[in-house]
Amino acid sequence: MILSQTMKRYLPAYLFSIIVLCAPPCHSSDLAPFRTYNQNPVTLIFGLPSAGSAKILGTGQGEMALVFDIASSYATGTSRNEALVLDSETYLINLTGRLGVGERLEIGFEVPYIFHSGGFLDGFIEDYHSTFGFPQGGRDTAPNGRLLLSYQRNASSVFLVDRRSSGIGDIRLNGGYQLYDDRTGSRKIALRASLKLPTGESDQLRGSGGADLAVWLTGSQGFETGAGIWEIFGAGGILTMTQGDLMPEQQRNAVFFGSLGAGWKPLSWLALKVQVDGQTAFYKDSSLDELSSNSAQLIMGGSFFLSRETSLEIAVSEDLVIKTAPDVVFHLAVLHKF
């Protein structure tokens, strides 16, 4: 029900994007979606990708990015035979790269480093919720700085992480193919794929213990106005997963995901962006929304273009469907093209 209301709320954006895709082509602004994804601790272990740019790099062109995300999660749920606590602060450092190897083809990689801790943001988030009248959801009754990731089912412990730990997550190998690029470069469609390898420790929630394959389409349409350059971008696809170690009997074999956003570049050195990401549930056979509900999150921020080759991306993410994504994610990425 919550997801349905959310989709209705953003229906005008979908209609607006359809209108824009029918507009005449113009100069490209190359405004890519934010390089982040749902970092719920029980979702982060899978190979859910960020939407990625609809522009495939040319032969010999490359891009490196260092992404740093801080995700603060607090969610609890109980039912007749289940008890779940997700109280943590997760730091994700992701080194990514992509390289054009043909006129329409590129390859890439992602190496994530994940650190689960109690963190330092609890007090700040509680004050923020209190100031603007947002519900605390029980966060104010939990100990500040606590790390507790726990799930019990039928009186048995499924997982428990209550001590700080860090290490390499599941490495990904990426690829992309340019399906369409108009002569001006303002209207683009790309086919992308990502293979996640089981390199992270599943018992510490740094990996699923299985391999995942994601395939999706991403597209964009840029256009100019007197107030600057605009771009609409979106993506949609499917993530298929082999059986992992965490909750193999409850894990779904596939989820669908999508993204829709817009960017505005009023100045040569500044771009503002907003996007909504969503995906279907990763787990089944649970009465807890934290596991069995579809998810959606809102990401807002922008990019500062420090030079023609280097840019800084800053954003904040909020959960639109509560308890299915972190309460807040602070996103920072440094990108360099060569």
Protein backbone atom coordinates (compact mmCIF):
# COMPACT_ATOMS: atom_id res chain seq x y z
CA MET A 1 0.00 0.00 0.00
CA ILE A 2 2.81 2.41 0.89
CA LEU A 3 4.63 1.71 -2.35
CA SER A 4 1.43 2.23 -4.33
CA GLN A 5 0.91 5.64 -2.73
CA THR A 6 4.52 6.54 -3.44
CA MET A 7 4.22 5.62 -7.09
CA LYS A 8 1.03 7.68 -7.40
CA ARG A 9 2.84 10.62 -5.85
CA TYR A 10 5.53 10.47 -8.53
CA LEU A 11 3.20 9.70 -11.45
CA PRO A 12 3.56 13.29 -12.82
CA ALA A 13 7.32 12.74 -13.05
CA TYR A 14 6.79 9.59 -15.15
CA LEU A 15 4.39 11.43 -17.46
CA PHE A 16 6.78 14.37 -17.73
CA SER A 17 9.63 12.05 -18.70
CA ILE A 18 7.54 10.54 -21.50
CA ILE A 19 6.84 14.02 -22.87
CA VAL A 20 10.52 14.94 -22.68
CA LEU A 21 11.59 11.81 -24.57
CA CYS A 22 9.46 12.99 -27.47
CA ALA A 23 11.08 16.43 -27.50
CA PRO A 24 13.60 17.52 -30.17
CA PRO A 25 17.23 16.60 -29.38
CA CYS A 26 19.69 19.16 -28.08
CA HIS A 27 23.13 19.56 -26.56
CA SER A 28 23.96 16.83 -24.01
CA SER A 29 24.65 17.75 -20.38
CA ASP A 30 25.88 14.24 -19.49
CA LEU A 31 24.13 14.28 -16.11
CA ALA A 32 24.42 10.73 -14.79
CA PRO A 33 22.34 9.20 -11.98
CA PHE A 34 23.82 9.12 -8.49
CA ARG A 35 26.30 6.29 -7.97
CA THR A 36 24.54 4.73 -5.00
CA TYR A 37 21.90 2.12 -4.20
CA ASN A 38 19.84 0.73 -1.30
CA GLN A 39 22.18 0.11 1.64
CA ASN A 40 19.83 -1.62 4.02
CA PRO A 41 22.18 -4.13 5.74
CA VAL A 42 20.14 -7.12 4.51
CA THR A 43 19.96 -5.67 0.97
CA LEU A 44 23.51 -4.39 0.62
CA ILE A 45 24.81 -7.97 0.49
CA PHE A 46 23.21 -8.54 -2.93
CA GLY A 47 24.25 -7.21 -6.35
CA LEU A 48 21.69 -4.41 -6.67
CA PRO A 49 23.33 -1.91 -9.06
CA SER A 50 23.17 1.84 -9.40
CA ALA A 51 21.48 2.94 -12.62
CA GLY A 52 24.68 4.05 -14.34
CA SER A 53 25.12 6.48 -17.18
CA ALA A 54 23.27 5.99 -20.47
CA LYS A 55 26.45 7.10 -22.24
CA ILE A 56 28.98 4.37 -23.03
CA LEU A 57 32.58 5.59 -23.03
CA GLY A 58 34.41 5.76 -26.34
CA THR A 59 37.39 3.62 -27.21
CA GLY A 60 40.27 4.36 -24.83
CA GLN A 61 38.20 6.66 -22.62
CA GLY A 62 38.10 5.82 -18.92
CA GLU A 63 36.59 6.87 -15.62
CA MET A 64 37.58 6.15 -12.03
CA ALA A 65 35.44 6.93 -9.01
CA LEU A 66 35.88 6.69 -5.25
CA VAL A 67 32.49 6.53 -3.52
CA PHE A 68 31.99 7.01 0.22
CA ASP A 69 28.55 6.41 1.76
CA ILE A 70 27.47 6.58 5.40
CA ALA A 71 24.16 4.77 5.97
CA SER A 72 22.32 5.02 9.30
CA SER A 73 19.71 2.29 9.79
CA TYR A 74 17.20 1.70 12.55
CA ALA A 75 14.33 -0.74 12.14
CA THR A 76 12.75 -3.32 14.38
CA GLY A 77 10.03 -5.83 13.71
CA THR A 78 8.42 -8.74 15.52
CA SER A 79 5.81 -11.32 14.62
CA ARG A 80 4.64 -14.63 16.02
CA ASN A 81 7.84 -16.42 15.00
CA GLU A 82 10.23 -13.63 13.95
CA ALA A 83 12.27 -10.90 15.61
CA LEU A 84 14.44 -8.47 13.64
CA VAL A 85 16.68 -5.58 14.73
CA LEU A 86 18.63 -3.47 12.25
CA ASP A 87 20.49 -0.83 14.27
CA SER A 88 23.78 0.16 12.69
CA GLU A 89 25.87 2.70 10.89
CA THR A 90 27.46 1.27 7.76
CA TYR A 91 30.35 2.84 5.88
CA LEU A 92 30.76 1.83 2.25
CA ILE A 93 33.92 2.76 0.36
CA ASN A 94 33.59 1.71 -3.26
CA LEU A 95 36.36 1.94 -5.83
CA THR A 96 34.90 1.79 -9.32
CA GLY A 97 36.25 2.05 -12.81
CA ARG A 98 35.08 1.73 -16.39
CA LEU A 99 36.87 1.75 -19.73
CA GLY A 100 35.67 2.06 -23.32
CA VAL A 101 36.98 -0.89 -25.34
CA GLY A 102 35.10 -0.34 -28.57
CA GLU A 103 32.88 2.14 -30.35
CA ARG A 104 29.84 0.97 -28.35
CA LEU A 105 31.28 -1.26 -25.61
CA GLU A 106 32.75 -0.68 -22.16
CA ILE A 107 33.90 -2.84 -19.24
CA GLY A 108 34.25 -1.98 -15.57
CA PHE A 109 34.63 -3.12 -11.98
CA GLU A 110 33.59 -2.28 -8.41
CA VAL A 111 35.56 -3.16 -5.28
CA PRO A 112 33.58 -2.33 -2.12
CA TYR A 113 34.98 -2.08 1.39
CA ILE A 114 32.27 -2.35 4.08
CA PHE A 115 32.48 -1.32 7.73
CA HIS A 116 29.58 -2.01 10.13
CA SER A 117 29.64 -0.03 13.38
CA GLY A 118 27.49 1.73 15.95
CA GLY A 119 28.59 5.07 14.53
CA PHE A 120 28.01 8.60 15.75
CA LEU A 121 24.91 9.88 13.93
CA ASP A 122 22.14 8.62 16.25
CA GLY A 123 21.90 11.79 18.33
CA PHE A 124 21.99 14.02 15.25
CA ILE A 125 19.22 12.07 13.53
CA GLU A 126 17.05 12.06 16.66
CA ASP A 127 17.42 15.86 16.95
CA TYR A 128 16.63 16.25 13.26
CA HIS A 129 13.46 14.16 13.56
CA SER A 130 12.42 16.06 16.67
CA THR A 131 13.02 19.49 15.10
CA PHE A 132 10.87 18.77 12.04
CA GLY A 133 8.25 16.65 13.80
CA PHE A 134 9.21 13.39 12.09
CA PRO A 135 8.47 10.13 13.93
CA GLN A 136 11.44 8.54 15.70
CA GLY A 137 10.22 5.00 15.04
CA GLY A 138 11.70 3.83 18.32
CA ARG A 139 15.19 5.17 17.59
CA ASP A 140 15.08 7.49 20.62
CA THR A 141 14.53 4.52 22.98
CA ALA A 142 17.53 2.54 21.70
CA PRO A 143 21.09 3.08 23.01
CA ASN A 144 23.04 5.63 20.98
CA GLY A 145 25.97 4.19 19.09
CA ARG A 146 24.69 0.61 19.30
CA LEU A 147 25.54 -1.97 16.64
CA LEU A 148 22.96 -4.75 16.53
CA LEU A 149 22.02 -6.59 13.37
CA SER A 150 19.95 -9.57 14.45
CA TYR A 151 17.27 -11.85 13.05
CA GLN A 152 15.63 -14.76 14.84
CA ARG A 153 13.14 -17.13 13.26
CA ASN A 154 11.34 -19.96 15.00
CA ALA A 155 13.44 -19.31 18.13
CA SER A 156 16.69 -19.85 16.19
CA SER A 157 19.29 -17.20 15.37
CA VAL A 158 19.63 -16.64 11.62
CA PHE A 159 22.31 -13.95 11.88
CA LEU A 160 23.85 -11.78 14.58
CA VAL A 161 26.35 -8.96 14.11
CA ASP A 162 26.98 -6.99 17.31
CA ARG A 163 30.68 -6.21 17.03
CA ARG A 164 32.37 -3.79 14.66
CA SER A 165 33.88 -5.45 11.62
CA SER A 166 35.20 -4.43 8.25
CA GLY A 167 36.47 -5.99 5.06
CA ILE A 168 36.10 -6.39 1.32
CA GLY A 169 32.54 -6.89 0.10
CA ASP A 170 31.38 -8.71 -3.02
CA ILE A 171 33.39 -7.55 -6.04
CA ARG A 172 31.47 -6.77 -9.24
CA LEU A 173 32.40 -6.98 -12.91
CA ASN A 174 30.42 -4.60 -15.12
CA GLY A 175 29.76 -4.13 -18.80
CA GLY A 176 27.76 -1.87 -21.07
CA TYR A 177 26.68 -1.59 -24.70
CA GLN A 178 25.36 1.54 -26.45
CA LEU A 179 22.05 0.63 -28.06
CA TYR A 180 21.21 4.14 -29.25
CA ASP A 181 22.87 7.56 -29.35
CA ASP A 182 21.45 10.31 -31.52
CA ARG A 183 23.71 12.56 -33.53
CA THR A 184 23.77 15.29 -30.89
CA GLY A 185 24.40 12.85 -28.06
CA SER A 186 21.47 14.19 -26.03
CA ARG A 187 19.26 11.10 -26.31
CA LYS A 188 20.93 7.84 -25.29
CA ILE A 189 20.00 4.28 -24.38
CA ALA A 190 22.43 1.69 -23.05
CA LEU A 191 22.22 -1.96 -22.05
CA ARG A 192 24.18 -2.69 -18.88
CA ALA A 193 25.06 -5.82 -16.92
CA SER A 194 26.80 -6.56 -13.64
CA LEU A 195 28.14 -9.84 -12.21
CA LYS A 196 28.63 -9.93 -8.43
CA LEU A 197 31.12 -12.46 -7.09
CA PRO A 198 30.95 -13.99 -3.57
CA THR A 199 34.13 -12.43 -2.17
CA GLY A 200 32.71 -10.91 1.04
CA GLU A 201 32.05 -12.64 4.36
CA SER A 202 28.35 -13.45 4.56
CA ASP A 203 28.31 -14.06 8.32
CA GLN A 204 29.43 -10.44 8.80
CA LEU A 205 26.85 -9.12 6.29
CA ARG A 206 29.50 -8.06 3.79
CA GLY A 207 28.27 -10.45 1.09
CA SER A 208 25.53 -12.91 0.29
CA GLY A 209 27.67 -16.00 -0.28
CA GLY A 210 26.29 -16.33 -3.81
CA ALA A 211 26.79 -14.88 -7.29
CA ASP A 212 24.29 -12.37 -8.70
CA LEU A 213 23.67 -11.17 -12.26
CA ALA A 214 21.92 -7.88 -13.03
CA VAL A 215 20.80 -6.79 -16.51
CA TRP A 216 19.10 -3.47 -17.16
CA LEU A 217 18.41 -0.67 -19.60
CA THR A 218 19.29 2.93 -18.83
CA GLY A 219 18.31 5.96 -20.89
CA SER A 220 18.50 9.73 -20.80
CA GLN A 221 17.20 12.76 -22.66
CA GLY A 222 18.81 16.17 -22.43
CA PHE A 223 17.32 19.49 -23.48
CA GLU A 224 18.14 23.18 -23.14
CA THR A 225 16.14 26.09 -21.77
CA GLY A 226 16.95 29.67 -21.02
CA ALA A 227 17.59 28.62 -17.43
CA GLY A 228 20.23 26.03 -18.27
CA ILE A 229 20.58 22.41 -19.39
CA TRP A 230 18.15 19.74 -18.16
CA GLU A 231 18.21 15.98 -18.37
CA ILE A 232 15.73 13.23 -17.56
CA PHE A 233 17.20 9.79 -16.85
CA GLY A 234 15.78 6.43 -15.92
CA ALA A 235 16.60 2.75 -15.70
CA GLY A 236 14.93 -0.59 -15.16
CA GLY A 237 15.98 -4.21 -15.05
CA ILE A 238 16.18 -7.53 -13.25
CA LEU A 239 18.62 -8.97 -10.72
CA THR A 240 18.90 -12.76 -10.56
CA MET A 241 20.61 -14.43 -7.61
CA THR A 242 22.02 -17.83 -6.81
CA GLN A 243 21.25 -19.23 -3.38
CA GLY A 244 23.22 -17.39 -0.72
CA ASP A 245 24.28 -18.24 2.82
CA LEU A 246 22.23 -15.74 4.81
CA MET A 247 18.60 -16.83 4.46
CA PRO A 248 18.59 -19.32 1.58
CA GLU A 249 15.08 -20.60 2.21
CA GLN A 250 13.61 -17.10 2.32
CA GLN A 251 15.71 -15.45 -0.38
CA ARG A 252 14.00 -14.77 -3.69
CA ASN A 253 15.70 -15.84 -6.89
CA ALA A 254 15.06 -12.53 -8.67
CA VAL A 255 14.05 -8.95 -7.99
CA PHE A 256 13.08 -6.11 -10.30
CA PHE A 257 14.54 -2.64 -9.86
CA GLY A 258 14.20 0.78 -11.41
CA SER A 259 15.20 4.42 -11.15
CA LEU A 260 13.83 7.74 -12.38
CA GLY A 261 15.44 11.13 -11.97
CA ALA A 262 16.16 14.56 -13.36
CA GLY A 263 19.13 16.87 -13.41
CA TRP A 264 19.54 20.61 -13.95
CA LYS A 265 22.83 22.25 -14.85
CA PRO A 266 22.37 26.02 -14.40
CA LEU A 267 26.11 26.72 -14.35
CA SER A 268 29.12 25.13 -16.02
CA TRP A 269 30.45 24.01 -12.63
CA LEU A 270 27.21 22.99 -10.91
CA ALA A 271 24.47 20.40 -11.49
CA LEU A 272 21.52 19.64 -9.20
CA LYS A 273 19.87 16.20 -9.31
CA VAL A 274 16.99 14.30 -7.78
CA GLN A 275 16.00 10.68 -8.31
CA VAL A 276 13.80 7.90 -6.94
CA ASP A 277 15.14 4.34 -6.76
CA GLY A 278 13.04 1.28 -6.04
CA GLN A 279 13.09 -2.49 -6.10
CA THR A 280 10.89 -5.45 -5.25
CA ALA A 281 11.47 -7.44 -2.06
CA PHE A 282 14.53 -9.66 -1.66
CA TYR A 283 12.86 -12.03 0.81
CA LYS A 284 9.66 -14.05 1.08
CA ASP A 285 7.79 -16.07 3.72
CA SER A 286 8.05 -13.28 6.27
CA SER A 287 5.39 -11.09 7.85
CA LEU A 288 7.94 -8.34 8.54
CA ASP A 289 7.91 -5.30 6.24
CA GLU A 290 11.66 -4.92 6.70
CA LEU A 291 12.17 -8.15 4.75
CA SER A 292 9.11 -8.74 2.57
CA SER A 293 8.09 -5.25 1.38
CA ASN A 294 9.05 -3.51 -1.83
CA SER A 295 11.34 -0.52 -1.33
CA ALA A 296 11.73 3.03 -2.59
CA GLN A 297 14.09 5.84 -1.65
CA LEU A 298 14.56 9.48 -2.58
CA ILE A 299 18.04 10.82 -3.38
CA MET A 300 18.74 14.55 -3.63
CA GLY A 301 21.96 16.43 -4.22
CA GLY A 302 24.25 17.54 -7.00
CA SER A 303 27.65 17.58 -8.65
CA PHE A 304 30.44 20.17 -8.59
CA PHE A 305 32.60 20.11 -11.71
CA LEU A 306 36.07 20.95 -10.45
CA SER A 307 37.56 20.66 -13.95
CA ARG A 308 36.73 19.07 -17.30
CA GLU A 309 37.99 15.75 -15.94
CA THR A 310 37.14 15.83 -12.23
CA SER A 311 33.85 16.24 -10.37
CA LEU A 312 32.52 15.89 -6.83
CA GLU A 313 29.10 14.30 -6.23
CA ILE A 314 27.22 14.99 -2.96
CA ALA A 315 23.77 13.67 -2.02
CA VAL A 316 21.44 12.64 0.80
CA SER A 317 19.10 9.65 0.57
CA GLU A 318 15.87 9.15 2.55
CA ASP A 319 13.64 6.07 2.71
CA LEU A 320 10.26 6.58 1.07
CA VAL A 321 9.01 3.17 2.17
CA ILE A 322 10.01 3.13 5.81
CA LYS A 323 12.06 0.27 7.24
CA THR A 324 13.08 -1.02 3.80
CA ALA A 325 16.07 1.30 3.34
CA PRO A 326 18.34 3.22 5.72
CA ASP A 327 16.81 6.21 7.50
CA VAL A 328 19.44 8.39 5.88
CA VAL A 329 22.48 7.91 3.65
CA PHE A 330 25.13 10.59 3.16
CA HIS A 331 26.74 10.10 -0.23
CA LEU A 332 30.04 11.47 -1.51
CA ALA A 333 31.85 10.50 -4.71
CA VAL A 334 34.95 11.83 -6.48
CA LEU A 335 35.09 11.06 -10.21
CA HIS A 336 37.93 11.48 -12.64
CA LYS A 337 37.84 10.91 -16.40
CA PHE A 338 40.90 10.12 -18.47
